[in-house]
C-alpha cells in the first residue's frame, strides 16, 4: 500500500472516515481521521484529517490526494519527553501520491512559551502547497523543554 508511514513515523490509528463523493466504480472520495502518538513526547497525540481520493485510480493507489489536511494535537496523558528535542524536526511523513507528494507534520519547540508546535503541510518535488494547519500543546512543567 502506497499510503504507508515512513520509518520516522508514529503508528497511525484510524479513528474514522466519512464519504464526500459517491463513485460508481471504486471507493468513494473520503475524509479520513487518523491519530498519531508523538514518538518522542509521551502523552501527546496528533489527529490529522485529510482528503483521500477514491475512484478507480484511488482504489489502485495511483491517485494524488489533495493537499487539504488539518491537524489538532492534544495532551492525552502526562507529558514525558524521552530525550532532548531539536528545535524543529519532522514528526511523521506520509505519501499522498504515487511518487512526488507527501503530507508532513513537523514538531517545533517554542522555548519562550514552553510549548510544542505541530505544523501540517504538503510538499512536492517540484511545487508544494501553501495550505497548512497548526496546533499547539503547552508543556505545563516547572522546567523548560529540553533541547538538543
N, C-alpha and C. Protein backbone atom coordinates (compact mmCIF):
# COMPACT_ATOMS: atom_id res chain seq x y z
N UNK A 1 0.85 -1.19 0.00
CA UNK A 1 0.00 0.00 0.00
C UNK A 1 0.88 1.23 0.00
N UNK A 2 0.59 2.20 -0.87
CA UNK A 2 1.45 3.36 -1.03
C UNK A 2 1.28 4.39 0.07
N UNK A 3 0.23 4.34 0.85
CA UNK A 3 0.00 5.32 1.89
C UNK A 3 0.62 4.94 3.22
N UNK A 4 1.72 4.22 3.23
CA UNK A 4 2.35 3.81 4.47
C UNK A 4 3.20 4.94 5.04
N UNK A 5 3.31 4.97 6.36
CA UNK A 5 4.16 5.95 7.03
C UNK A 5 5.59 5.47 6.97
N UNK A 6 6.53 6.40 6.82
CA UNK A 6 7.94 6.03 6.74
C UNK A 6 8.51 5.76 8.11
N UNK A 7 9.78 5.38 8.17
CA UNK A 7 10.41 4.91 9.40
C UNK A 7 10.33 5.90 10.56
N UNK A 8 10.39 7.21 10.31
CA UNK A 8 10.34 8.17 11.40
C UNK A 8 8.92 8.38 11.91
N UNK A 9 8.00 7.67 11.33
CA UNK A 9 6.61 7.93 11.62
C UNK A 9 6.12 7.25 12.89
N UNK A 10 5.15 7.88 13.48
CA UNK A 10 4.41 7.26 14.56
C UNK A 10 3.42 6.28 13.94
N UNK A 11 2.98 5.30 14.70
CA UNK A 11 2.00 4.36 14.20
C UNK A 11 0.63 5.02 14.16
N UNK A 12 -0.05 4.89 13.04
CA UNK A 12 -1.36 5.51 12.85
C UNK A 12 -2.46 4.61 13.38
N UNK A 13 -3.46 5.25 13.92
CA UNK A 13 -4.68 4.54 14.28
C UNK A 13 -5.83 5.25 13.58
N UNK A 14 -6.53 4.54 12.71
CA UNK A 14 -7.66 5.14 12.00
C UNK A 14 -8.78 5.36 13.00
N UNK A 15 -9.20 6.60 13.14
CA UNK A 15 -10.28 6.95 14.06
C UNK A 15 -11.62 6.85 13.35
N UNK A 16 -11.65 7.28 12.09
CA UNK A 16 -12.89 7.20 11.32
C UNK A 16 -12.72 7.82 9.96
N UNK A 17 -13.80 7.76 9.19
CA UNK A 17 -13.81 8.35 7.85
C UNK A 17 -15.24 8.65 7.45
N UNK A 18 -15.39 9.63 6.57
CA UNK A 18 -16.70 9.95 6.01
C UNK A 18 -16.56 10.06 4.50
N UNK A 19 -17.59 9.60 3.78
CA UNK A 19 -17.61 9.72 2.33
C UNK A 19 -18.00 11.14 1.96
N UNK A 20 -17.33 11.67 0.94
CA UNK A 20 -17.67 13.02 0.46
C UNK A 20 -18.24 13.01 -0.95
N UNK A 21 -17.83 12.04 -1.77
CA UNK A 21 -18.33 11.94 -3.14
C UNK A 21 -18.53 10.46 -3.47
N UNK A 22 -19.72 10.12 -3.94
CA UNK A 22 -20.01 8.75 -4.36
C UNK A 22 -19.31 8.47 -5.69
N UNK A 23 -18.65 7.33 -5.78
CA UNK A 23 -18.03 6.89 -7.03
C UNK A 23 -18.68 5.57 -7.42
N UNK A 24 -19.19 5.48 -8.64
CA UNK A 24 -19.85 4.28 -9.11
C UNK A 24 -18.88 3.09 -9.16
N UNK A 25 -17.65 3.37 -9.61
CA UNK A 25 -16.63 2.31 -9.68
C UNK A 25 -15.48 2.72 -8.76
N UNK A 26 -15.11 1.83 -7.87
CA UNK A 26 -14.01 2.10 -6.95
C UNK A 26 -14.53 2.74 -5.67
N UNK A 27 -13.64 2.96 -4.72
CA UNK A 27 -14.06 3.56 -3.45
C UNK A 27 -14.49 5.02 -3.62
N UNK A 28 -15.32 5.49 -2.71
CA UNK A 28 -15.76 6.89 -2.71
C UNK A 28 -14.60 7.79 -2.29
N UNK A 29 -14.68 9.08 -2.66
CA UNK A 29 -13.76 10.07 -2.09
C UNK A 29 -14.11 10.18 -0.61
N UNK A 30 -13.11 10.40 0.24
CA UNK A 30 -13.34 10.41 1.68
C UNK A 30 -12.55 11.51 2.37
N UNK A 31 -12.93 11.75 3.60
CA UNK A 31 -12.08 12.44 4.56
C UNK A 31 -11.80 11.42 5.64
N UNK A 32 -10.52 11.19 5.91
CA UNK A 32 -10.12 10.23 6.94
C UNK A 32 -9.50 10.96 8.11
N UNK A 33 -9.69 10.41 9.30
CA UNK A 33 -9.09 10.97 10.51
C UNK A 33 -8.24 9.87 11.14
N UNK A 34 -6.95 10.17 11.31
CA UNK A 34 -6.00 9.24 11.92
C UNK A 34 -5.39 9.89 13.15
N UNK A 35 -5.04 9.07 14.15
CA UNK A 35 -4.38 9.54 15.36
C UNK A 35 -2.93 9.05 15.34
N UNK A 36 -2.01 9.93 15.71
CA UNK A 36 -0.59 9.61 15.77
C UNK A 36 -0.04 10.07 17.11
N UNK A 37 0.51 9.14 17.86
CA UNK A 37 1.19 9.50 19.10
C UNK A 37 2.58 10.01 18.74
N UNK A 38 2.97 11.13 19.37
CA UNK A 38 4.30 11.67 19.12
C UNK A 38 5.31 10.65 19.63
N UNK A 39 6.22 10.17 18.77
CA UNK A 39 7.15 9.13 19.19
C UNK A 39 8.19 9.59 20.21
N UNK A 40 8.41 10.89 20.34
CA UNK A 40 9.41 11.39 21.27
C UNK A 40 8.82 12.11 22.48
N UNK A 41 7.51 12.31 22.47
CA UNK A 41 6.85 13.01 23.58
C UNK A 41 5.64 12.18 23.99
N UNK A 42 5.77 11.44 25.09
CA UNK A 42 4.63 10.65 25.54
C UNK A 42 3.55 11.58 26.09
N UNK A 43 2.30 11.17 25.93
CA UNK A 43 1.18 11.98 26.40
C UNK A 43 0.65 12.98 25.40
N UNK A 44 1.21 12.99 24.17
CA UNK A 44 0.74 13.90 23.12
C UNK A 44 0.31 13.07 21.91
N UNK A 45 -0.90 13.32 21.44
CA UNK A 45 -1.43 12.66 20.24
C UNK A 45 -1.88 13.73 19.26
N UNK A 46 -1.55 13.53 17.98
CA UNK A 46 -2.00 14.43 16.93
C UNK A 46 -3.06 13.72 16.09
N UNK A 47 -4.14 14.42 15.84
CA UNK A 47 -5.23 13.92 15.00
C UNK A 47 -5.14 14.66 13.67
N UNK A 48 -4.99 13.91 12.60
CA UNK A 48 -4.84 14.50 11.27
C UNK A 48 -6.03 14.07 10.42
N UNK A 49 -6.74 15.06 9.88
CA UNK A 49 -7.80 14.75 8.91
C UNK A 49 -7.29 15.16 7.54
N UNK A 50 -7.61 14.35 6.55
CA UNK A 50 -7.15 14.65 5.20
C UNK A 50 -8.08 14.04 4.17
N UNK A 51 -8.03 14.61 2.99
CA UNK A 51 -8.82 14.10 1.88
C UNK A 51 -8.14 12.87 1.31
N UNK A 52 -8.94 11.89 0.91
CA UNK A 52 -8.43 10.67 0.28
C UNK A 52 -9.22 10.45 -1.00
N UNK A 53 -8.52 10.43 -2.12
CA UNK A 53 -9.14 10.29 -3.42
C UNK A 53 -9.59 8.86 -3.66
N UNK A 54 -10.80 8.72 -4.17
CA UNK A 54 -11.35 7.41 -4.48
C UNK A 54 -11.32 7.11 -5.95
N UNK A 55 -12.36 6.43 -6.41
CA UNK A 55 -12.44 6.06 -7.82
C UNK A 55 -11.50 4.92 -8.15
N UNK A 56 -11.36 4.63 -9.40
CA UNK A 56 -10.50 3.53 -9.84
C UNK A 56 -9.05 3.82 -9.48
N UNK A 57 -8.56 5.02 -9.80
CA UNK A 57 -7.15 5.33 -9.53
C UNK A 57 -6.87 5.35 -8.02
N UNK A 58 -7.83 5.85 -7.23
CA UNK A 58 -7.66 5.85 -5.78
C UNK A 58 -7.64 4.44 -5.21
N UNK A 59 -8.50 3.58 -5.74
CA UNK A 59 -8.55 2.20 -5.29
C UNK A 59 -7.28 1.42 -5.62
N UNK A 60 -6.62 1.81 -6.69
CA UNK A 60 -5.37 1.15 -7.09
C UNK A 60 -4.14 1.81 -6.47
N UNK A 61 -4.35 2.91 -5.73
CA UNK A 61 -3.22 3.61 -5.11
C UNK A 61 -2.46 4.49 -6.07
N UNK A 62 -3.08 4.87 -7.19
CA UNK A 62 -2.41 5.68 -8.20
C UNK A 62 -2.84 7.15 -8.18
N UNK A 63 -3.87 7.48 -7.41
CA UNK A 63 -4.39 8.84 -7.39
C UNK A 63 -3.53 9.73 -6.50
N UNK A 64 -3.54 11.01 -6.81
CA UNK A 64 -2.85 12.00 -5.98
C UNK A 64 -3.89 12.67 -5.10
N UNK A 65 -3.75 12.50 -3.78
CA UNK A 65 -4.66 13.15 -2.85
C UNK A 65 -4.38 14.65 -2.83
N UNK A 66 -5.41 15.43 -2.51
CA UNK A 66 -5.24 16.88 -2.45
C UNK A 66 -4.37 17.25 -1.25
N UNK A 67 -3.94 18.49 -1.22
CA UNK A 67 -3.09 18.98 -0.14
C UNK A 67 -3.91 19.40 1.08
N UNK A 68 -5.21 19.19 1.05
CA UNK A 68 -6.06 19.60 2.16
C UNK A 68 -5.88 18.67 3.35
N UNK A 69 -5.45 19.24 4.47
CA UNK A 69 -5.30 18.46 5.70
C UNK A 69 -5.42 19.41 6.88
N UNK A 70 -5.82 18.87 8.00
CA UNK A 70 -5.95 19.65 9.22
C UNK A 70 -5.34 18.84 10.36
N UNK A 71 -4.84 19.53 11.38
CA UNK A 71 -4.21 18.84 12.50
C UNK A 71 -4.70 19.44 13.81
N UNK A 72 -4.89 18.59 14.79
CA UNK A 72 -5.20 19.01 16.16
C UNK A 72 -4.42 18.09 17.08
N UNK A 73 -3.48 18.66 17.84
CA UNK A 73 -2.67 17.87 18.77
C UNK A 73 -3.09 18.22 20.18
N UNK A 74 -3.17 17.19 21.04
CA UNK A 74 -3.67 17.38 22.40
C UNK A 74 -2.85 16.57 23.38
N UNK A 75 -2.82 17.06 24.61
CA UNK A 75 -2.26 16.29 25.70
C UNK A 75 -3.30 15.26 26.09
N UNK A 76 -2.93 13.98 26.04
CA UNK A 76 -3.87 12.90 26.35
C UNK A 76 -3.43 12.11 27.58
N UNK A 77 -2.36 12.55 28.20
CA UNK A 77 -1.82 11.91 29.40
C UNK A 77 -0.68 12.76 29.92
N UNK A 78 -0.01 12.29 30.96
CA UNK A 78 1.14 13.05 31.47
C UNK A 78 2.21 13.19 30.38
N UNK A 79 2.72 14.40 30.19
CA UNK A 79 3.73 14.63 29.16
C UNK A 79 5.09 14.19 29.68
N UNK A 80 5.75 13.38 28.88
CA UNK A 80 7.11 12.94 29.18
C UNK A 80 7.96 13.09 27.94
N UNK A 81 9.06 13.80 28.06
CA UNK A 81 9.96 13.99 26.92
C UNK A 81 11.12 13.03 27.10
N UNK A 82 11.19 12.05 26.20
CA UNK A 82 12.11 10.92 26.34
C UNK A 82 13.57 11.29 26.13
N UNK A 83 13.83 12.31 25.34
CA UNK A 83 15.20 12.74 25.05
C UNK A 83 15.15 14.21 24.63
N UNK A 84 16.27 14.93 24.72
CA UNK A 84 16.25 16.33 24.25
C UNK A 84 15.78 16.41 22.80
N UNK A 85 14.97 17.41 22.51
CA UNK A 85 14.38 17.58 21.18
C UNK A 85 15.13 18.64 20.39
N UNK A 86 15.25 18.45 19.07
CA UNK A 86 15.73 19.55 18.24
C UNK A 86 14.67 20.65 18.20
N UNK A 87 15.07 21.86 17.90
CA UNK A 87 14.09 22.96 17.84
C UNK A 87 13.04 22.72 16.78
N UNK A 88 13.38 21.93 15.74
CA UNK A 88 12.42 21.61 14.68
C UNK A 88 12.80 20.28 14.06
N UNK A 89 11.81 19.39 13.86
CA UNK A 89 12.07 18.13 13.16
C UNK A 89 10.77 17.55 12.63
N UNK A 90 10.89 16.74 11.56
CA UNK A 90 9.73 16.01 11.04
C UNK A 90 9.28 15.00 12.08
N UNK A 91 7.99 15.04 12.43
CA UNK A 91 7.44 14.05 13.34
C UNK A 91 6.98 12.83 12.54
N UNK A 92 6.30 13.07 11.43
CA UNK A 92 5.95 11.99 10.53
C UNK A 92 5.66 12.51 9.13
N UNK A 93 5.72 11.59 8.18
CA UNK A 93 5.54 11.90 6.76
C UNK A 93 4.73 10.79 6.13
N UNK A 94 3.85 11.16 5.22
CA UNK A 94 3.06 10.16 4.50
C UNK A 94 2.96 10.54 3.04
N UNK A 95 3.13 9.56 2.17
CA UNK A 95 2.94 9.79 0.73
C UNK A 95 1.46 10.03 0.46
N UNK A 96 1.16 11.03 -0.37
CA UNK A 96 -0.22 11.25 -0.81
C UNK A 96 -0.33 11.23 -2.33
N UNK A 97 0.73 10.78 -2.97
CA UNK A 97 0.68 10.47 -4.40
C UNK A 97 1.67 9.34 -4.64
N UNK A 98 1.64 8.78 -5.82
CA UNK A 98 2.47 7.63 -6.13
C UNK A 98 3.95 7.90 -5.89
N UNK A 99 4.44 9.07 -6.27
CA UNK A 99 5.87 9.33 -6.18
C UNK A 99 6.22 10.66 -5.55
N UNK A 100 5.56 11.74 -5.93
CA UNK A 100 6.10 13.07 -5.69
C UNK A 100 5.55 13.86 -4.51
N UNK A 101 4.40 13.54 -3.98
CA UNK A 101 3.75 14.40 -3.00
C UNK A 101 3.69 13.72 -1.63
N UNK A 102 3.97 14.50 -0.56
CA UNK A 102 3.94 13.97 0.80
C UNK A 102 3.21 14.92 1.73
N UNK A 103 2.51 14.34 2.68
CA UNK A 103 1.94 15.09 3.79
C UNK A 103 2.96 15.02 4.92
N UNK A 104 3.30 16.16 5.50
CA UNK A 104 4.31 16.21 6.55
C UNK A 104 3.74 16.84 7.81
N UNK A 105 4.20 16.36 8.96
CA UNK A 105 3.92 17.01 10.23
C UNK A 105 5.28 17.28 10.88
N UNK A 106 5.51 18.55 11.20
CA UNK A 106 6.76 18.99 11.79
C UNK A 106 6.49 19.42 13.23
N UNK A 107 7.34 18.97 14.15
CA UNK A 107 7.26 19.43 15.54
C UNK A 107 8.30 20.53 15.73
N UNK A 108 7.87 21.66 16.29
CA UNK A 108 8.75 22.77 16.62
C UNK A 108 8.64 23.05 18.12
N UNK A 109 9.70 23.55 18.72
CA UNK A 109 9.68 23.90 20.14
C UNK A 109 9.73 25.42 20.27
N UNK A 110 8.71 25.98 20.91
CA UNK A 110 8.69 27.41 21.24
C UNK A 110 9.24 27.52 22.66
N UNK A 111 10.53 27.79 22.76
CA UNK A 111 11.23 27.80 24.04
C UNK A 111 10.67 28.88 24.97
N UNK A 112 10.41 30.06 24.44
CA UNK A 112 9.94 31.19 25.26
C UNK A 112 8.62 30.86 25.97
N UNK A 113 7.72 30.15 25.30
CA UNK A 113 6.40 29.86 25.85
C UNK A 113 6.29 28.44 26.40
N UNK A 114 7.35 27.64 26.26
CA UNK A 114 7.40 26.24 26.71
C UNK A 114 6.24 25.43 26.12
N UNK A 115 6.10 25.53 24.79
CA UNK A 115 5.06 24.79 24.09
C UNK A 115 5.64 24.03 22.90
N UNK A 116 4.93 22.98 22.51
CA UNK A 116 5.24 22.22 21.31
C UNK A 116 4.28 22.67 20.22
N UNK A 117 4.81 23.00 19.06
CA UNK A 117 4.01 23.48 17.93
C UNK A 117 4.09 22.41 16.84
N UNK A 118 2.93 21.98 16.35
CA UNK A 118 2.87 20.97 15.29
C UNK A 118 2.28 21.61 14.04
N UNK A 119 2.99 21.50 12.92
CA UNK A 119 2.59 22.08 11.64
C UNK A 119 2.39 20.97 10.63
N UNK A 120 1.22 20.96 9.97
CA UNK A 120 0.99 20.01 8.88
C UNK A 120 0.96 20.77 7.56
N UNK A 121 1.57 20.19 6.54
CA UNK A 121 1.59 20.78 5.20
C UNK A 121 1.94 19.68 4.21
N UNK A 122 1.81 19.98 2.93
CA UNK A 122 2.23 19.01 1.92
C UNK A 122 3.37 19.60 1.11
N UNK A 123 4.22 18.74 0.62
CA UNK A 123 5.27 19.19 -0.28
C UNK A 123 5.30 18.28 -1.49
N UNK A 124 5.96 18.79 -2.48
CA UNK A 124 6.05 18.10 -3.75
C UNK A 124 7.44 18.36 -4.29
N UNK A 125 7.97 17.44 -5.07
CA UNK A 125 9.31 17.61 -5.59
C UNK A 125 9.45 18.93 -6.35
N UNK A 126 8.47 19.26 -7.16
CA UNK A 126 8.57 20.47 -7.98
C UNK A 126 7.84 21.65 -7.35
N UNK A 127 6.64 21.44 -6.82
CA UNK A 127 5.86 22.54 -6.28
C UNK A 127 5.03 22.06 -5.10
N UNK A 128 5.25 22.65 -3.94
CA UNK A 128 4.48 22.30 -2.74
C UNK A 128 3.21 23.12 -2.69
N UNK A 129 2.51 23.03 -1.58
CA UNK A 129 1.27 23.77 -1.40
C UNK A 129 1.40 24.66 -0.18
N UNK A 130 0.86 25.88 -0.25
CA UNK A 130 0.89 26.74 0.93
C UNK A 130 -0.19 26.37 1.95
N UNK A 131 -1.05 25.41 1.62
CA UNK A 131 -2.10 25.00 2.57
C UNK A 131 -1.43 24.34 3.76
N UNK A 132 -1.83 24.78 4.95
CA UNK A 132 -1.20 24.24 6.16
C UNK A 132 -2.16 24.37 7.32
N UNK A 133 -1.80 23.71 8.41
CA UNK A 133 -2.58 23.77 9.64
C UNK A 133 -1.60 23.66 10.80
N UNK A 134 -1.91 24.33 11.91
CA UNK A 134 -1.01 24.33 13.05
C UNK A 134 -1.78 24.02 14.33
N UNK A 135 -1.11 23.35 15.27
CA UNK A 135 -1.69 23.05 16.56
C UNK A 135 -0.59 23.20 17.62
N UNK A 136 -0.98 23.58 18.83
CA UNK A 136 -0.01 23.84 19.90
C UNK A 136 -0.39 23.06 21.14
N UNK A 137 0.62 22.47 21.79
CA UNK A 137 0.42 21.76 23.05
C UNK A 137 1.33 22.40 24.10
N UNK A 138 0.75 23.05 25.12
CA UNK A 138 1.59 23.62 26.18
C UNK A 138 2.15 22.51 27.07
N UNK A 139 3.38 22.69 27.51
CA UNK A 139 4.01 21.73 28.41
C UNK A 139 4.03 22.37 29.79
N UNK A 140 3.10 21.94 30.62
CA UNK A 140 2.98 22.50 31.97
C UNK A 140 3.99 21.80 32.86
N UNK A 141 5.14 22.38 32.94
CA UNK A 141 6.24 21.77 33.68
C UNK A 141 7.06 22.87 34.32
N UNK A 142 7.62 22.60 35.50
CA UNK A 142 8.46 23.61 36.13
C UNK A 142 9.79 23.80 35.41
N UNK A 143 10.16 22.86 34.53
CA UNK A 143 11.42 23.00 33.80
C UNK A 143 11.13 23.16 32.31
N UNK A 144 12.01 23.84 31.59
CA UNK A 144 11.79 24.02 30.15
C UNK A 144 11.94 22.72 29.37
N UNK A 145 11.39 22.70 28.17
CA UNK A 145 11.52 21.56 27.28
C UNK A 145 13.01 21.38 26.95
N UNK A 146 13.55 20.19 27.17
CA UNK A 146 14.99 20.00 26.89
C UNK A 146 15.27 20.01 25.38
N UNK A 147 16.27 20.79 24.98
CA UNK A 147 16.65 20.90 23.57
C UNK A 147 17.99 20.24 23.31
N UNK A 148 18.13 19.75 22.07
CA UNK A 148 19.43 19.20 21.62
C UNK A 148 20.38 20.33 21.40
